[in-house]
Amino acid sequence: MKAVSVATIKKELQHLPSEELTELCLRLSKFKKENKELLTYLLFESHDETGYIETVKQEVDEQFELININSYFYIKKSVRKILRSIKKFARYSLKKETEVELLLYFCQKLIHFKPSIKHNVTLTNIYERQILLIKKIVSTLHEDLQYDYKQMLDELND
């Protein structure tokens, strides 16, 4: 079966009554964990973005504590997994400020991680790519926010 475009789905959804929409959402949430997470964000957490950011930061803290530090191989795998989850949570929000906040937090955790990431080229590259991404996103934000985030970036680089 071939999936139809988002525009076609949108047109079809506009013609459905609210009870059918509710049923479709519930059915969709049963298939993938990401669908359920997105619905959870939209229904319960989208009104409080700072609370959402704090919740994600707590999850990141927990994931960093679980990293197996016996080998850089395991550290790299875990760091990539954490970064994937951060990007997923940022995608739910669709707000650039949230994405910047989460990526800055990730970089802070990574730079202060023991053993140091400076002894591994791959981990250093991951860090530097995220810094570049943060700079790119920050350049699209309002001037006041740009100033604040650039200060945070400067603190990270010190």
C-alpha atoms as a PDB file:
ATOM      1  CA  MET A   1       0.000   0.000   0.000  1.00  0.00           C
ATOM      2  CA  LYS A   2       1.359   3.424  -0.950  1.00  0.00           C
ATOM      3  CA  ALA A   3       0.905   6.293   1.497  1.00  0.00           C
ATOM      4  CA  VAL A   4      -0.837   9.425   0.252  1.00  0.00           C
ATOM      5  CA  SER A   5       0.501  12.961   0.682  1.00  0.00           C
ATOM      6  CA  VAL A   6       0.030  15.023   3.832  1.00  0.00           C
ATOM      7  CA  ALA A   7      -2.121  17.505   1.899  1.00  0.00           C
ATOM      8  CA  THR A   8      -4.509  14.711   0.878  1.00  0.00           C
ATOM      9  CA  ILE A   9      -4.698  13.432   4.450  1.00  0.00           C
ATOM     10  CA  LYS A  10      -5.371  16.969   5.713  1.00  0.00           C
ATOM     11  CA  LYS A  11      -8.269  17.417   3.276  1.00  0.00           C
ATOM     12  CA  GLU A  12      -9.768  14.089   4.280  1.00  0.00           C
ATOM     13  CA  LEU A  13      -9.423  14.816   8.019  1.00  0.00           C
ATOM     14  CA  GLN A  14     -11.313  18.087   7.630  1.00  0.00           C
ATOM     15  CA  HIS A  15     -14.400  16.159   6.539  1.00  0.00           C
ATOM     16  CA  LEU A  16     -14.439  13.780   9.529  1.00  0.00           C
ATOM     17  CA  PRO A  17     -16.518  14.365  12.671  1.00  0.00           C
ATOM     18  CA  SER A  18     -14.659  14.834  15.969  1.00  0.00           C
ATOM     19  CA  GLU A  19     -15.547  11.356  17.271  1.00  0.00           C
ATOM     20  CA  GLU A  20     -13.900   9.719  14.273  1.00  0.00           C
ATOM     21  CA  LEU A  21     -10.853  11.957  14.668  1.00  0.00           C
ATOM     22  CA  THR A  22     -10.551  10.861  18.279  1.00  0.00           C
ATOM     23  CA  GLU A  23     -10.731   7.218  17.241  1.00  0.00           C
ATOM     24  CA  LEU A  24      -8.088   7.751  14.566  1.00  0.00           C
ATOM     25  CA  CYS A  25      -5.733   9.424  17.054  1.00  0.00           C
ATOM     26  CA  LEU A  26      -6.170   6.629  19.582  1.00  0.00           C
ATOM     27  CA  ARG A  27      -5.607   4.005  16.920  1.00  0.00           C
ATOM     28  CA  LEU A  28      -2.514   5.828  15.700  1.00  0.00           C
ATOM     29  CA  SER A  29      -1.105   5.962  19.230  1.00  0.00           C
ATOM     30  CA  LYS A  30      -1.276   2.170  19.505  1.00  0.00           C
ATOM     31  CA  PHE A  31       1.139   1.550  16.649  1.00  0.00           C
ATOM     32  CA  LYS A  32       4.317   3.401  17.465  1.00  0.00           C
ATOM     33  CA  LYS A  33       5.851   4.688  20.647  1.00  0.00           C
ATOM     34  CA  GLU A  34       6.784   7.938  18.858  1.00  0.00           C
ATOM     35  CA  ASN A  35       3.142   8.561  17.936  1.00  0.00           C
ATOM     36  CA  LYS A  36       2.139   8.146  21.563  1.00  0.00           C
ATOM     37  CA  GLU A  37       4.979  10.420  22.712  1.00  0.00           C
ATOM     38  CA  LEU A  38       3.960  13.105  20.218  1.00  0.00           C
ATOM     39  CA  LEU A  39       0.328  12.937  21.321  1.00  0.00           C
ATOM     40  CA  THR A  40       1.455  13.149  24.953  1.00  0.00           C
ATOM     41  CA  TYR A  41       3.462  16.265  24.155  1.00  0.00           C
ATOM     42  CA  LEU A  42       0.633  17.881  22.198  1.00  0.00           C
ATOM     43  CA  LEU A  43      -2.045  17.129  24.778  1.00  0.00           C
ATOM     44  CA  PHE A  44      -0.212  17.566  28.072  1.00  0.00           C
ATOM     45  CA  GLU A  45       3.105  19.373  27.686  1.00  0.00           C
ATOM     46  CA  SER A  46       2.867  21.825  24.773  1.00  0.00           C
ATOM     47  CA  HIS A  47       1.316  24.518  26.986  1.00  0.00           C
ATOM     48  CA  ASP A  48       4.341  24.488  29.357  1.00  0.00           C
ATOM     49  CA  GLU A  49       7.472  24.543  27.206  1.00  0.00           C
ATOM     50  CA  THR A  50       9.874  25.212  30.096  1.00  0.00           C
ATOM     51  CA  GLY A  51       8.471  22.235  32.007  1.00  0.00           C
ATOM     52  CA  TYR A  52       8.869  20.104  28.887  1.00  0.00           C
ATOM     53  CA  ILE A  53      12.491  21.203  28.496  1.00  0.00           C
ATOM     54  CA  GLU A  54      13.198  20.366  32.144  1.00  0.00           C
ATOM     55  CA  THR A  55      11.625  16.923  31.740  1.00  0.00           C
ATOM     56  CA  VAL A  56      13.787  16.196  28.709  1.00  0.00           C
ATOM     57  CA  LYS A  57      16.881  17.450  30.552  1.00  0.00           C
ATOM     58  CA  GLN A  58      16.138  15.039  33.405  1.00  0.00           C
ATOM     59  CA  GLU A  59      15.911  12.181  30.910  1.00  0.00           C
ATOM     60  CA  VAL A  60      19.220  13.246  29.375  1.00  0.00           C
ATOM     61  CA  ASP A  61      20.803  13.279  32.849  1.00  0.00           C
ATOM     62  CA  GLU A  62      19.565   9.755  33.479  1.00  0.00           C
ATOM     63  CA  GLN A  63      20.858   8.563  30.113  1.00  0.00           C
ATOM     64  CA  PHE A  64      24.281  10.107  30.732  1.00  0.00           C
ATOM     65  CA  GLU A  65      24.486   8.338  34.101  1.00  0.00           C
ATOM     66  CA  LEU A  66      23.798   4.989  32.417  1.00  0.00           C
ATOM     67  CA  ILE A  67      26.690   5.284  29.957  1.00  0.00           C
ATOM     68  CA  ASN A  68      29.164   2.422  30.152  1.00  0.00           C
ATOM     69  CA  ILE A  69      32.535   4.172  30.506  1.00  0.00           C
ATOM     70  CA  ASN A  70      34.658   1.034  30.068  1.00  0.00           C
ATOM     71  CA  SER A  71      35.296   1.782  26.418  1.00  0.00           C
ATOM     72  CA  TYR A  72      34.974   4.725  24.061  1.00  0.00           C
ATOM     73  CA  PHE A  73      33.021   2.420  21.755  1.00  0.00           C
ATOM     74  CA  TYR A  74      30.200   2.172  24.290  1.00  0.00           C
ATOM     75  CA  ILE A  75      30.433   5.872  25.096  1.00  0.00           C
ATOM     76  CA  LYS A  76      30.038   6.759  21.395  1.00  0.00           C
ATOM     77  CA  LYS A  77      27.039   4.467  21.008  1.00  0.00           C
ATOM     78  CA  SER A  78      25.355   5.931  24.072  1.00  0.00           C
ATOM     79  CA  VAL A  79      26.090   9.540  23.107  1.00  0.00           C
ATOM     80  CA  ARG A  80      24.605   8.981  19.651  1.00  0.00           C
ATOM     81  CA  LYS A  81      21.516   7.412  21.236  1.00  0.00           C
ATOM     82  CA  ILE A  82      21.098  10.385  23.580  1.00  0.00           C
ATOM     83  CA  LEU A  83      21.484  12.809  20.686  1.00  0.00           C
ATOM     84  CA  ARG A  84      18.847  10.939  18.661  1.00  0.00           C
ATOM     85  CA  SER A  85      16.381  11.176  21.526  1.00  0.00           C
ATOM     86  CA  ILE A  86      17.101  14.904  21.987  1.00  0.00           C
ATOM     87  CA  LYS A  87      16.474  15.546  18.303  1.00  0.00           C
ATOM     88  CA  LYS A  88      13.241  13.553  18.498  1.00  0.00           C
ATOM     89  CA  PHE A  89      11.995  15.558  21.472  1.00  0.00           C
ATOM     90  CA  ALA A  90      12.992  18.821  19.773  1.00  0.00           C
ATOM     91  CA  ARG A  91      11.066  17.746  16.675  1.00  0.00           C
ATOM     92  CA  TYR A  92       7.919  17.295  18.772  1.00  0.00           C
ATOM     93  CA  SER A  93       8.114  20.895  19.926  1.00  0.00           C
ATOM     94  CA  LEU A  94       8.836  22.547  16.557  1.00  0.00           C
ATOM     95  CA  LYS A  95      10.263  25.529  18.456  1.00  0.00           C
ATOM     96  CA  LYS A  96      13.820  26.524  17.605  1.00  0.00           C
ATOM     97  CA  GLU A  97      14.401  27.861  21.120  1.00  0.00           C
ATOM     98  CA  THR A  98      13.598  24.457  22.584  1.00  0.00           C
ATOM     99  CA  GLU A  99      15.978  22.759  20.170  1.00  0.00           C
ATOM    100  CA  VAL A 100      18.766  25.210  21.030  1.00  0.00           C
ATOM    101  CA  GLU A 101      18.177  24.773  24.782  1.00  0.00           C
ATOM    102  CA  LEU A 102      18.311  20.980  24.511  1.00  0.00           C
ATOM    103  CA  LEU A 103      21.374  20.935  22.266  1.00  0.00           C
ATOM    104  CA  LEU A 104      23.187  23.391  24.536  1.00  0.00           C
ATOM    105  CA  TYR A 105      22.411  21.176  27.500  1.00  0.00           C
ATOM    106  CA  PHE A 106      23.655  18.118  25.594  1.00  0.00           C
ATOM    107  CA  CYS A 107      26.906  19.902  24.747  1.00  0.00           C
ATOM    108  CA  GLN A 108      27.373  20.997  28.373  1.00  0.00           C
ATOM    109  CA  LYS A 109      26.902  17.430  29.579  1.00  0.00           C
ATOM    110  CA  LEU A 110      29.238  16.114  26.883  1.00  0.00           C
ATOM    111  CA  ILE A 111      32.048  18.598  27.513  1.00  0.00           C
ATOM    112  CA  HIS A 112      32.009  17.872  31.268  1.00  0.00           C
ATOM    113  CA  PHE A 113      31.744  14.114  30.765  1.00  0.00           C
ATOM    114  CA  LYS A 114      34.407  11.903  32.334  1.00  0.00           C
ATOM    115  CA  PRO A 115      36.442  10.404  30.677  1.00  0.00           C
ATOM    116  CA  SER A 116      37.054  13.462  28.531  1.00  0.00           C
ATOM    117  CA  ILE A 117      35.707  13.469  24.991  1.00  0.00           C
ATOM    118  CA  LYS A 118      38.877  15.265  23.865  1.00  0.00           C
ATOM    119  CA  HIS A 119      40.664  11.921  23.805  1.00  0.00           C
ATOM    120  CA  ASN A 120      38.330  10.619  21.101  1.00  0.00           C
ATOM    121  CA  VAL A 121      38.017  12.133  17.624  1.00  0.00           C
ATOM    122  CA  THR A 122      34.477  10.857  16.997  1.00  0.00           C
ATOM    123  CA  LEU A 123      33.083  12.300  20.220  1.00  0.00           C
ATOM    124  CA  THR A 124      34.851  15.606  19.592  1.00  0.00           C
ATOM    125  CA  ASN A 125      33.367  15.718  16.087  1.00  0.00           C
ATOM    126  CA  ILE A 126      29.870  15.032  17.448  1.00  0.00           C
ATOM    127  CA  TYR A 127      30.329  17.896  19.901  1.00  0.00           C
ATOM    128  CA  GLU A 128      31.633  20.300  17.250  1.00  0.00           C
ATOM    129  CA  ARG A 129      28.816  19.439  14.815  1.00  0.00           C
ATOM    130  CA  GLN A 130      26.233  20.208  17.480  1.00  0.00           C
ATOM    131  CA  ILE A 131      27.931  23.528  18.253  1.00  0.00           C
ATOM    132  CA  LEU A 132      27.784  24.422  14.542  1.00  0.00           C
ATOM    133  CA  LEU A 133      24.124  23.404  14.406  1.00  0.00           C
ATOM    134  CA  ILE A 134      23.353  25.544  17.461  1.00  0.00           C
ATOM    135  CA  LYS A 135      25.082  28.540  15.846  1.00  0.00           C
ATOM    136  CA  LYS A 136      23.110  28.018  12.648  1.00  0.00           C
ATOM    137  CA  ILE A 137      19.772  27.844  14.487  1.00  0.00           C
ATOM    138  CA  VAL A 138      20.624  30.784  16.760  1.00  0.00           C
ATOM    139  CA  SER A 139      21.340  32.968  13.728  1.00  0.00           C
ATOM    140  CA  THR A 140      17.667  32.590  12.694  1.00  0.00           C
ATOM    141  CA  LEU A 141      16.275  33.678  16.081  1.00  0.00           C
ATOM    142  CA  HIS A 142      15.362  37.124  17.451  1.00  0.00           C
ATOM    143  CA  GLU A 143      18.324  39.407  18.270  1.00  0.00           C
ATOM    144  CA  ASP A 144      17.767  39.294  22.038  1.00  0.00           C
ATOM    145  CA  LEU A 145      17.706  35.511  22.037  1.00  0.00           C
ATOM    146  CA  GLN A 146      20.757  35.441  19.767  1.00  0.00           C
ATOM    147  CA  TYR A 147      22.692  37.475  22.328  1.00  0.00           C
ATOM    148  CA  ASP A 148      21.660  35.216  25.213  1.00  0.00           C
ATOM    149  CA  TYR A 149      22.461  31.995  23.361  1.00  0.00           C
ATOM    150  CA  LYS A 150      25.774  33.325  22.066  1.00  0.00           C
ATOM    151  CA  GLN A 151      26.783  34.061  25.655  1.00  0.00           C
ATOM    152  CA  MET A 152      25.935  30.464  26.570  1.00  0.00           C
ATOM    153  CA  LEU A 153      27.974  29.239  23.603  1.00  0.00           C
ATOM    154  CA  ASP A 154      30.926  31.379  24.688  1.00  0.00           C
ATOM    155  CA  GLU A 155      30.722  29.860  28.184  1.00  0.00           C
ATOM    156  CA  LEU A 156      30.828  26.389  26.633  1.00  0.00           C
ATOM    157  CA  ASN A 157      33.914  27.215  24.587  1.00  0.00           C
ATOM    158  CA  ASP A 158      35.837  28.522  27.608  1.00  0.00           C
END
